[in-house]
Amino acid sequence: MLLHPTVTGTANSPPATPAVGDCYLVSVSASGAFAEHEGCLAGWDGQQWTFAEPFDGMRLYDHTAGMTLLFDGGWKSASAPATPTGGSIVDAEARAAIDQLAEALRTLRLLA
């Protein structure tokens, strides 16, 4: 769960029938066994939920969203840039898309 964190998705309460090895990112307004564990990873071992507090620099892969998240005081994800559509302002659109891509890489701390 901590060596290569991967989550099935985000949940505010435990699923009714988790499979051994299931791991979720606990969302806000958590309830049930997830209560008071917002932002933590919750892993099911077949008997109980184990919770791991995130730390700055921690990354995880969310299978449902199909994206990597970074913890930096809170969970962050990069947004895809707008795709240039062509036409007479393609240069401006391409520059804007490159700027958005660079910002997405900075969000995930892949660029300084």
N, C-alpha and C. Protein backbone atom coordinates (compact mmCIF):
# COMPACT_ATOMS: atom_id res chain seq x y z
N MET A 1 0.82 -1.19 0.00
CA MET A 1 0.00 0.00 0.00
C MET A 1 0.87 1.26 0.00
N LEU A 2 2.03 1.22 0.61
CA LEU A 2 2.87 2.41 0.67
C LEU A 2 4.06 2.37 -0.29
N LEU A 3 4.50 1.19 -0.67
CA LEU A 3 5.66 1.09 -1.55
C LEU A 3 5.34 1.62 -2.94
N HIS A 4 4.23 1.20 -3.52
CA HIS A 4 3.76 1.67 -4.82
C HIS A 4 2.26 1.92 -4.70
N PRO A 5 1.88 3.04 -4.06
CA PRO A 5 0.46 3.27 -3.79
C PRO A 5 -0.39 3.35 -5.05
N THR A 6 -1.41 2.51 -5.07
CA THR A 6 -2.40 2.48 -6.14
C THR A 6 -3.75 2.36 -5.47
N VAL A 7 -4.69 3.18 -5.88
CA VAL A 7 -6.02 3.11 -5.29
C VAL A 7 -7.04 2.74 -6.36
N THR A 8 -8.08 2.05 -5.90
CA THR A 8 -9.19 1.70 -6.78
C THR A 8 -9.95 2.96 -7.16
N GLY A 9 -9.97 3.92 -6.26
CA GLY A 9 -10.66 5.18 -6.48
C GLY A 9 -10.76 5.94 -5.18
N THR A 10 -11.60 6.94 -5.18
CA THR A 10 -11.84 7.76 -4.00
C THR A 10 -13.20 7.37 -3.43
N ALA A 11 -13.28 7.30 -2.10
CA ALA A 11 -14.55 6.92 -1.46
C ALA A 11 -14.68 7.65 -0.13
N ASN A 12 -15.91 7.98 0.23
CA ASN A 12 -16.12 8.61 1.54
C ASN A 12 -16.64 7.61 2.57
N SER A 13 -16.91 6.37 2.13
CA SER A 13 -17.28 5.30 3.05
C SER A 13 -16.80 3.98 2.45
N PRO A 14 -16.56 2.98 3.31
CA PRO A 14 -16.06 1.70 2.80
C PRO A 14 -17.07 1.00 1.92
N PRO A 15 -16.60 0.29 0.90
CA PRO A 15 -17.53 -0.50 0.08
C PRO A 15 -18.10 -1.65 0.92
N ALA A 16 -19.26 -2.13 0.54
CA ALA A 16 -19.93 -3.20 1.29
C ALA A 16 -19.14 -4.50 1.29
N THR A 17 -18.53 -4.83 0.16
CA THR A 17 -17.79 -6.10 0.06
C THR A 17 -16.42 -5.86 -0.56
N PRO A 18 -15.48 -5.31 0.22
CA PRO A 18 -14.15 -5.07 -0.35
C PRO A 18 -13.39 -6.38 -0.57
N ALA A 19 -12.54 -6.39 -1.55
CA ALA A 19 -11.66 -7.53 -1.81
C ALA A 19 -10.35 -7.31 -1.08
N VAL A 20 -9.71 -8.39 -0.68
CA VAL A 20 -8.41 -8.29 -0.03
C VAL A 20 -7.46 -7.54 -0.95
N GLY A 21 -6.79 -6.54 -0.44
CA GLY A 21 -5.86 -5.74 -1.22
C GLY A 21 -6.45 -4.48 -1.78
N ASP A 22 -7.78 -4.31 -1.67
CA ASP A 22 -8.39 -3.06 -2.14
C ASP A 22 -7.83 -1.89 -1.36
N CYS A 23 -7.63 -0.79 -2.05
CA CYS A 23 -7.11 0.42 -1.42
C CYS A 23 -7.87 1.61 -2.00
N TYR A 24 -8.27 2.52 -1.14
CA TYR A 24 -9.03 3.71 -1.54
C TYR A 24 -8.40 4.96 -0.96
N LEU A 25 -8.60 6.06 -1.64
CA LEU A 25 -8.26 7.37 -1.11
C LEU A 25 -9.53 7.87 -0.43
N VAL A 26 -9.44 8.15 0.86
CA VAL A 26 -10.62 8.58 1.62
C VAL A 26 -10.90 10.05 1.31
N SER A 27 -12.12 10.32 0.87
CA SER A 27 -12.51 11.68 0.50
C SER A 27 -13.09 12.44 1.70
N VAL A 28 -13.44 13.68 1.46
CA VAL A 28 -14.02 14.52 2.51
C VAL A 28 -15.39 13.99 2.91
N SER A 29 -15.85 14.40 4.07
CA SER A 29 -17.14 13.95 4.62
C SER A 29 -17.18 12.43 4.76
N ALA A 30 -16.06 11.85 5.19
CA ALA A 30 -15.98 10.40 5.34
C ALA A 30 -16.90 9.92 6.45
N SER A 31 -17.41 8.69 6.28
CA SER A 31 -18.31 8.12 7.26
C SER A 31 -17.96 6.65 7.49
N GLY A 32 -18.63 6.05 8.46
CA GLY A 32 -18.37 4.65 8.77
C GLY A 32 -16.94 4.45 9.23
N ALA A 33 -16.33 3.36 8.80
CA ALA A 33 -14.94 3.07 9.18
C ALA A 33 -13.97 4.11 8.65
N PHE A 34 -14.37 4.87 7.61
CA PHE A 34 -13.50 5.89 7.04
C PHE A 34 -13.57 7.22 7.78
N ALA A 35 -14.51 7.38 8.70
CA ALA A 35 -14.68 8.65 9.42
C ALA A 35 -13.36 9.07 10.08
N GLU A 36 -13.07 10.35 9.98
CA GLU A 36 -11.87 10.97 10.55
C GLU A 36 -10.58 10.54 9.88
N HIS A 37 -10.67 9.98 8.67
CA HIS A 37 -9.48 9.58 7.92
C HIS A 37 -9.42 10.24 6.55
N GLU A 38 -10.03 11.43 6.42
CA GLU A 38 -10.06 12.13 5.14
C GLU A 38 -8.63 12.36 4.63
N GLY A 39 -8.42 12.09 3.35
CA GLY A 39 -7.12 12.29 2.72
C GLY A 39 -6.16 11.13 2.90
N CYS A 40 -6.51 10.15 3.73
CA CYS A 40 -5.64 8.99 3.97
C CYS A 40 -5.88 7.90 2.93
N LEU A 41 -4.93 6.98 2.85
CA LEU A 41 -5.13 5.76 2.08
C LEU A 41 -5.75 4.73 3.02
N ALA A 42 -6.74 4.01 2.53
CA ALA A 42 -7.40 2.97 3.32
C ALA A 42 -7.23 1.65 2.59
N GLY A 43 -6.55 0.71 3.22
CA GLY A 43 -6.30 -0.60 2.63
C GLY A 43 -7.02 -1.70 3.39
N TRP A 44 -7.66 -2.61 2.67
CA TRP A 44 -8.40 -3.73 3.26
C TRP A 44 -7.54 -4.98 3.22
N ASP A 45 -7.31 -5.60 4.39
CA ASP A 45 -6.48 -6.81 4.45
C ASP A 45 -7.30 -8.08 4.61
N GLY A 46 -8.61 -7.98 4.50
CA GLY A 46 -9.48 -9.13 4.65
C GLY A 46 -10.17 -9.18 6.01
N GLN A 47 -9.61 -8.43 6.97
CA GLN A 47 -10.16 -8.39 8.32
C GLN A 47 -10.50 -6.97 8.77
N GLN A 48 -9.66 -6.03 8.37
CA GLN A 48 -9.82 -4.66 8.84
C GLN A 48 -9.24 -3.68 7.85
N TRP A 49 -9.62 -2.41 8.03
CA TRP A 49 -9.06 -1.32 7.24
C TRP A 49 -7.83 -0.79 7.94
N THR A 50 -6.76 -0.60 7.18
CA THR A 50 -5.54 0.02 7.69
C THR A 50 -5.41 1.37 6.98
N PHE A 51 -5.12 2.41 7.76
CA PHE A 51 -5.05 3.76 7.21
C PHE A 51 -3.62 4.26 7.24
N ALA A 52 -3.22 4.91 6.14
CA ALA A 52 -1.89 5.50 6.04
C ALA A 52 -2.04 7.00 5.77
N GLU A 53 -1.40 7.79 6.61
CA GLU A 53 -1.40 9.25 6.43
C GLU A 53 -0.49 9.60 5.26
N PRO A 54 -0.92 10.48 4.38
CA PRO A 54 -0.05 10.90 3.28
C PRO A 54 1.03 11.85 3.79
N PHE A 55 2.09 11.97 3.02
CA PHE A 55 3.18 12.89 3.35
C PHE A 55 3.56 13.65 2.09
N ASP A 56 4.12 14.85 2.27
CA ASP A 56 4.50 15.66 1.12
C ASP A 56 5.46 14.90 0.21
N GLY A 57 5.15 14.90 -1.07
CA GLY A 57 5.95 14.20 -2.06
C GLY A 57 5.41 12.82 -2.41
N MET A 58 4.44 12.31 -1.64
CA MET A 58 3.85 10.99 -1.91
C MET A 58 3.05 11.05 -3.20
N ARG A 59 3.19 10.04 -4.03
CA ARG A 59 2.43 9.92 -5.28
C ARG A 59 1.63 8.64 -5.24
N LEU A 60 0.49 8.66 -5.90
CA LEU A 60 -0.30 7.44 -6.04
C LEU A 60 -0.99 7.45 -7.39
N TYR A 61 -1.37 6.26 -7.82
CA TYR A 61 -2.09 6.13 -9.08
C TYR A 61 -3.54 5.77 -8.77
N ASP A 62 -4.47 6.53 -9.32
CA ASP A 62 -5.90 6.29 -9.14
C ASP A 62 -6.42 5.58 -10.39
N HIS A 63 -6.78 4.30 -10.25
CA HIS A 63 -7.26 3.51 -11.39
C HIS A 63 -8.55 4.06 -11.98
N THR A 64 -9.46 4.51 -11.13
CA THR A 64 -10.74 5.02 -11.63
C THR A 64 -10.55 6.27 -12.46
N ALA A 65 -9.75 7.21 -11.97
CA ALA A 65 -9.51 8.46 -12.68
C ALA A 65 -8.47 8.29 -13.79
N GLY A 66 -7.64 7.25 -13.70
CA GLY A 66 -6.59 7.04 -14.69
C GLY A 66 -5.51 8.10 -14.63
N MET A 67 -5.17 8.53 -13.40
CA MET A 67 -4.18 9.58 -13.27
C MET A 67 -3.36 9.44 -11.99
N THR A 68 -2.21 10.11 -12.00
CA THR A 68 -1.34 10.15 -10.85
C THR A 68 -1.70 11.37 -10.01
N LEU A 69 -1.70 11.19 -8.69
CA LEU A 69 -1.94 12.28 -7.76
C LEU A 69 -0.69 12.50 -6.94
N LEU A 70 -0.47 13.73 -6.52
CA LEU A 70 0.67 14.10 -5.70
C LEU A 70 0.15 14.74 -4.42
N PHE A 71 0.74 14.36 -3.28
CA PHE A 71 0.37 15.02 -2.03
C PHE A 71 1.39 16.12 -1.75
N ASP A 72 0.89 17.33 -1.63
CA ASP A 72 1.72 18.50 -1.33
C ASP A 72 0.85 19.42 -0.46
N GLY A 73 0.67 19.00 0.79
CA GLY A 73 -0.23 19.73 1.68
C GLY A 73 -1.69 19.38 1.40
N GLY A 74 -1.94 18.58 0.41
CA GLY A 74 -3.25 18.12 -0.04
C GLY A 74 -3.04 17.39 -1.35
N TRP A 75 -4.00 16.58 -1.75
CA TRP A 75 -3.86 15.81 -2.98
C TRP A 75 -4.07 16.72 -4.19
N LYS A 76 -3.16 16.65 -5.16
CA LYS A 76 -3.21 17.47 -6.37
C LYS A 76 -3.09 16.58 -7.60
N SER A 77 -3.72 17.04 -8.67
CA SER A 77 -3.58 16.35 -9.95
C SER A 77 -3.36 17.40 -11.03
N ALA A 78 -2.76 16.99 -12.11
CA ALA A 78 -2.52 17.90 -13.23
C ALA A 78 -3.71 17.87 -14.17
N SER A 79 -4.01 19.02 -14.74
CA SER A 79 -5.10 19.11 -15.72
C SER A 79 -4.51 19.05 -17.12
N ALA A 80 -5.23 18.42 -18.01
CA ALA A 80 -4.79 18.36 -19.40
C ALA A 80 -4.95 19.72 -20.05
N PRO A 81 -3.99 20.14 -20.84
CA PRO A 81 -4.11 21.44 -21.52
C PRO A 81 -5.14 21.38 -22.64
N ALA A 82 -5.65 22.54 -22.99
CA ALA A 82 -6.58 22.63 -24.13
C ALA A 82 -5.81 22.30 -25.40
N THR A 83 -6.42 21.58 -26.29
CA THR A 83 -5.80 21.21 -27.55
C THR A 83 -5.99 22.34 -28.56
N PRO A 84 -4.92 22.80 -29.21
CA PRO A 84 -5.09 23.82 -30.23
C PRO A 84 -6.04 23.31 -31.32
N THR A 85 -6.91 24.18 -31.78
CA THR A 85 -7.91 23.76 -32.76
C THR A 85 -7.61 24.21 -34.17
N GLY A 86 -6.59 25.00 -34.35
CA GLY A 86 -6.25 25.45 -35.70
C GLY A 86 -6.86 26.79 -36.01
N GLY A 87 -6.74 27.20 -37.24
CA GLY A 87 -7.28 28.49 -37.64
C GLY A 87 -6.21 29.55 -37.62
N SER A 88 -6.62 30.78 -37.60
CA SER A 88 -5.68 31.90 -37.73
C SER A 88 -4.91 32.18 -36.45
N ILE A 89 -5.33 31.64 -35.31
CA ILE A 89 -4.61 31.93 -34.06
C ILE A 89 -3.93 30.69 -33.50
N VAL A 90 -3.57 29.75 -34.37
CA VAL A 90 -2.97 28.50 -33.93
C VAL A 90 -1.69 28.74 -33.12
N ASP A 91 -0.89 29.71 -33.47
CA ASP A 91 0.33 29.98 -32.72
C ASP A 91 0.00 30.36 -31.29
N ALA A 92 -0.96 31.23 -31.09
CA ALA A 92 -1.36 31.64 -29.74
C ALA A 92 -1.94 30.46 -28.97
N GLU A 93 -2.74 29.64 -29.64
CA GLU A 93 -3.33 28.47 -28.99
C GLU A 93 -2.25 27.46 -28.61
N ALA A 94 -1.30 27.24 -29.51
CA ALA A 94 -0.22 26.30 -29.23
C ALA A 94 0.62 26.78 -28.05
N ARG A 95 0.91 28.07 -28.02
CA ARG A 95 1.68 28.62 -26.89
C ARG A 95 0.91 28.47 -25.58
N ALA A 96 -0.39 28.71 -25.62
CA ALA A 96 -1.22 28.56 -24.41
C ALA A 96 -1.23 27.10 -23.95
N ALA A 97 -1.33 26.16 -24.90
CA ALA A 97 -1.33 24.73 -24.56
C ALA A 97 0.01 24.33 -23.95
N ILE A 98 1.10 24.83 -24.49
CA ILE A 98 2.43 24.53 -23.94
C ILE A 98 2.55 25.10 -22.54
N ASP A 99 2.06 26.32 -22.31
CA ASP A 99 2.08 26.92 -20.97
C ASP A 99 1.27 26.07 -19.99
N GLN A 100 0.10 25.60 -20.43
CA GLN A 100 -0.75 24.77 -19.56
C GLN A 100 -0.08 23.43 -19.26
N LEU A 101 0.59 22.86 -20.24
CA LEU A 101 1.30 21.61 -20.04
C LEU A 101 2.44 21.80 -19.05
N ALA A 102 3.19 22.87 -19.19
CA ALA A 102 4.28 23.16 -18.26
C ALA A 102 3.74 23.35 -16.85
N GLU A 103 2.60 24.02 -16.70
CA GLU A 103 2.00 24.22 -15.38
C GLU A 103 1.55 22.88 -14.79
N ALA A 104 1.01 22.00 -15.62
CA ALA A 104 0.60 20.67 -15.15
C ALA A 104 1.82 19.90 -14.64
N LEU A 105 2.93 19.99 -15.34
CA LEU A 105 4.15 19.31 -14.91
C LEU A 105 4.69 19.91 -13.62
N ARG A 106 4.56 21.22 -13.46
CA ARG A 106 4.97 21.86 -12.21
C ARG A 106 4.06 21.43 -11.06
N THR A 107 2.77 21.27 -11.32
CA THR A 107 1.83 20.84 -10.30
C THR A 107 2.23 19.49 -9.71
N LEU A 108 2.70 18.59 -10.57
CA LEU A 108 3.14 17.26 -10.12
C LEU A 108 4.61 17.23 -9.73
N ARG A 109 5.23 18.41 -9.68
CA ARG A 109 6.64 18.55 -9.31
C ARG A 109 7.57 17.80 -10.25
N LEU A 110 7.19 17.72 -11.52
CA LEU A 110 8.05 17.12 -12.51
C LEU A 110 8.92 18.17 -13.16
N LEU A 111 8.54 19.45 -13.01
CA LEU A 111 9.34 20.59 -13.42
C LEU A 111 9.46 21.54 -12.24
N ALA A 112 10.55 22.25 -12.19
CA ALA A 112 10.72 23.24 -11.11
C ALA A 112 10.10 24.55 -11.50
